[in-house]
Amino acid sequence: MLFRWRRAGADDRFVLGCYLIITSVLRFLIEFIRVNERVAIGLTVAQLACLGLVIVGLWLVSSTRRR
């Protein structure tokens, strides 16, 4: 999907934002399988980092759409 959007002329910020969202969601789900220490609200450090990256990705995608 990312290659297709890039070849279609999508903005770099949009492609990067989508990449961050997709990989962070997948990583977030994988972290439920792993056995790591829960640190806050029942989530691991990696899951909290993924949530932050999803927020950054959403910001990049939304800022591209406004242009």
N, C-alpha and C. Protein backbone atom coordinates (compact mmCIF):
# COMPACT_ATOMS: atom_id res chain seq x y z
N MET A 1 0.82 -1.19 0.00
CA MET A 1 0.00 0.00 0.00
C MET A 1 0.86 1.26 0.00
N LEU A 2 1.91 1.24 0.82
CA LEU A 2 2.76 2.42 0.91
C LEU A 2 3.44 2.71 -0.42
N PHE A 3 3.93 1.66 -1.08
CA PHE A 3 4.58 1.86 -2.38
C PHE A 3 3.57 2.38 -3.41
N ARG A 4 2.37 1.86 -3.36
CA ARG A 4 1.33 2.29 -4.31
C ARG A 4 1.00 3.76 -4.10
N TRP A 5 0.84 4.17 -2.84
CA TRP A 5 0.54 5.57 -2.57
C TRP A 5 1.68 6.48 -3.02
N ARG A 6 2.91 6.02 -2.78
CA ARG A 6 4.07 6.84 -3.15
C ARG A 6 4.16 6.99 -4.66
N ARG A 7 3.95 5.88 -5.39
CA ARG A 7 3.98 5.95 -6.86
C ARG A 7 2.85 6.80 -7.42
N ALA A 8 1.74 6.86 -6.70
CA ALA A 8 0.60 7.66 -7.14
C ALA A 8 0.80 9.15 -6.86
N GLY A 9 1.91 9.49 -6.21
CA GLY A 9 2.23 10.89 -5.97
C GLY A 9 1.76 11.42 -4.63
N ALA A 10 1.49 10.53 -3.70
CA ALA A 10 1.07 10.98 -2.37
C ALA A 10 2.21 11.75 -1.70
N ASP A 11 1.83 12.68 -0.87
CA ASP A 11 2.80 13.49 -0.13
C ASP A 11 3.63 12.61 0.81
N ASP A 12 4.89 12.95 0.98
CA ASP A 12 5.78 12.18 1.86
C ASP A 12 5.26 12.11 3.29
N ARG A 13 4.69 13.21 3.77
CA ARG A 13 4.16 13.21 5.14
C ARG A 13 3.01 12.23 5.29
N PHE A 14 2.18 12.12 4.27
CA PHE A 14 1.07 11.17 4.30
C PHE A 14 1.58 9.74 4.36
N VAL A 15 2.55 9.41 3.51
CA VAL A 15 3.09 8.05 3.47
C VAL A 15 3.78 7.72 4.79
N LEU A 16 4.57 8.64 5.32
CA LEU A 16 5.23 8.41 6.61
C LEU A 16 4.21 8.24 7.73
N GLY A 17 3.19 9.07 7.74
CA GLY A 17 2.14 8.96 8.75
C GLY A 17 1.44 7.62 8.70
N CYS A 18 1.12 7.15 7.50
CA CYS A 18 0.48 5.84 7.34
C CYS A 18 1.40 4.72 7.79
N TYR A 19 2.68 4.84 7.48
CA TYR A 19 3.66 3.84 7.92
C TYR A 19 3.69 3.77 9.45
N LEU A 20 3.76 4.93 10.10
CA LEU A 20 3.80 4.95 11.56
C LEU A 20 2.55 4.34 12.17
N ILE A 21 1.41 4.63 11.59
CA ILE A 21 0.15 4.09 12.12
C ILE A 21 0.12 2.58 11.95
N ILE A 22 0.41 2.09 10.76
CA ILE A 22 0.33 0.66 10.48
C ILE A 22 1.30 -0.14 11.34
N THR A 23 2.56 0.27 11.36
CA THR A 23 3.55 -0.49 12.12
C THR A 23 3.30 -0.41 13.62
N SER A 24 2.85 0.74 14.09
CA SER A 24 2.60 0.88 15.53
C SER A 24 1.41 0.05 15.98
N VAL A 25 0.37 -0.01 15.18
CA VAL A 25 -0.79 -0.84 15.54
C VAL A 25 -0.39 -2.31 15.57
N LEU A 26 0.36 -2.75 14.56
CA LEU A 26 0.80 -4.15 14.55
C LEU A 26 1.70 -4.46 15.75
N ARG A 27 2.62 -3.58 16.05
CA ARG A 27 3.51 -3.78 17.19
C ARG A 27 2.74 -3.78 18.51
N PHE A 28 1.75 -2.90 18.62
CA PHE A 28 0.92 -2.83 19.81
C PHE A 28 0.23 -4.18 20.04
N LEU A 29 -0.31 -4.77 18.98
CA LEU A 29 -1.00 -6.05 19.10
C LEU A 29 -0.03 -7.18 19.43
N ILE A 30 1.16 -7.16 18.85
CA ILE A 30 2.16 -8.19 19.12
C ILE A 30 2.58 -8.15 20.59
N GLU A 31 2.61 -6.97 21.17
CA GLU A 31 3.03 -6.84 22.57
C GLU A 31 2.09 -7.54 23.54
N PHE A 32 0.85 -7.80 23.14
CA PHE A 32 -0.05 -8.55 24.01
C PHE A 32 0.38 -10.00 24.13
N ILE A 33 1.04 -10.53 23.11
CA ILE A 33 1.51 -11.91 23.12
C ILE A 33 2.76 -12.05 23.97
N ARG A 34 3.63 -11.07 23.91
CA ARG A 34 4.89 -11.11 24.67
C ARG A 34 4.63 -10.96 26.16
N VAL A 35 5.52 -11.48 26.94
CA VAL A 35 5.40 -11.36 28.40
C VAL A 35 6.37 -10.28 28.87
N ASN A 36 5.83 -9.10 29.07
CA ASN A 36 6.62 -7.96 29.56
C ASN A 36 5.92 -7.37 30.77
N GLU A 37 6.68 -6.64 31.53
CA GLU A 37 6.13 -6.00 32.73
C GLU A 37 5.20 -4.86 32.32
N ARG A 38 4.04 -4.84 32.91
CA ARG A 38 3.07 -3.76 32.69
C ARG A 38 3.47 -2.59 33.57
N VAL A 39 3.50 -1.39 32.99
CA VAL A 39 3.98 -0.25 33.75
C VAL A 39 2.90 0.79 34.05
N ALA A 40 1.97 0.98 33.15
CA ALA A 40 0.93 2.00 33.37
C ALA A 40 -0.35 1.57 32.67
N ILE A 41 -1.45 1.74 33.34
CA ILE A 41 -2.79 1.40 32.85
C ILE A 41 -2.84 0.04 32.14
N GLY A 42 -2.06 -0.90 32.64
CA GLY A 42 -2.06 -2.25 32.10
C GLY A 42 -1.33 -2.43 30.78
N LEU A 43 -0.50 -1.45 30.42
CA LEU A 43 0.23 -1.50 29.15
C LEU A 43 1.74 -1.54 29.41
N THR A 44 2.47 -2.09 28.46
CA THR A 44 3.93 -2.13 28.55
C THR A 44 4.51 -0.83 28.01
N VAL A 45 5.81 -0.66 28.19
CA VAL A 45 6.49 0.52 27.68
C VAL A 45 6.38 0.58 26.15
N ALA A 46 6.55 -0.57 25.50
CA ALA A 46 6.47 -0.62 24.04
C ALA A 46 5.07 -0.23 23.56
N GLN A 47 4.04 -0.67 24.26
CA GLN A 47 2.68 -0.31 23.86
C GLN A 47 2.42 1.18 24.04
N LEU A 48 2.95 1.76 25.10
CA LEU A 48 2.81 3.20 25.30
C LEU A 48 3.55 3.98 24.20
N ALA A 49 4.72 3.50 23.82
CA ALA A 49 5.47 4.13 22.73
C ALA A 49 4.68 4.02 21.42
N CYS A 50 4.06 2.88 21.19
CA CYS A 50 3.26 2.70 19.98
C CYS A 50 2.08 3.67 19.95
N LEU A 51 1.45 3.88 21.08
CA LEU A 51 0.35 4.84 21.14
C LEU A 51 0.84 6.24 20.78
N GLY A 52 2.02 6.60 21.26
CA GLY A 52 2.60 7.90 20.91
C GLY A 52 2.88 8.01 19.42
N LEU A 53 3.39 6.94 18.83
CA LEU A 53 3.68 6.96 17.39
C LEU A 53 2.41 6.99 16.55
N VAL A 54 1.36 6.35 17.01
CA VAL A 54 0.07 6.43 16.30
C VAL A 54 -0.43 7.86 16.31
N ILE A 55 -0.28 8.54 17.44
CA ILE A 55 -0.70 9.94 17.52
C ILE A 55 0.10 10.80 16.55
N VAL A 56 1.41 10.59 16.49
CA VAL A 56 2.25 11.34 15.54
C VAL A 56 1.83 11.03 14.11
N GLY A 57 1.58 9.75 13.80
CA GLY A 57 1.15 9.36 12.47
C GLY A 57 -0.18 9.99 12.09
N LEU A 58 -1.13 10.00 13.02
CA LEU A 58 -2.42 10.63 12.75
C LEU A 58 -2.26 12.13 12.51
N TRP A 59 -1.37 12.75 13.27
CA TRP A 59 -1.12 14.19 13.06
C TRP A 59 -0.53 14.44 11.67
N LEU A 60 0.42 13.59 11.25
CA LEU A 60 1.02 13.76 9.93
C LEU A 60 -0.02 13.57 8.83
N VAL A 61 -0.85 12.56 8.95
CA VAL A 61 -1.88 12.31 7.93
C VAL A 61 -2.90 13.44 7.91
N SER A 62 -3.33 13.89 9.07
CA SER A 62 -4.34 14.96 9.11
C SER A 62 -3.76 16.29 8.63
N SER A 63 -2.50 16.55 8.92
CA SER A 63 -1.91 17.82 8.46
C SER A 63 -1.70 17.80 6.95
N THR A 64 -1.53 16.63 6.37
CA THR A 64 -1.39 16.53 4.92
C THR A 64 -2.74 16.74 4.24
N ARG A 65 -3.79 16.23 4.84
CA ARG A 65 -5.14 16.34 4.26
C ARG A 65 -5.61 17.79 4.21
N ARG A 66 -5.18 18.60 5.15
CA ARG A 66 -5.63 20.00 5.19
C ARG A 66 -5.03 20.85 4.09
N ARG A 67 -3.91 20.42 3.54
CA ARG A 67 -3.23 21.24 2.53
C ARG A 67 -3.98 21.27 1.23
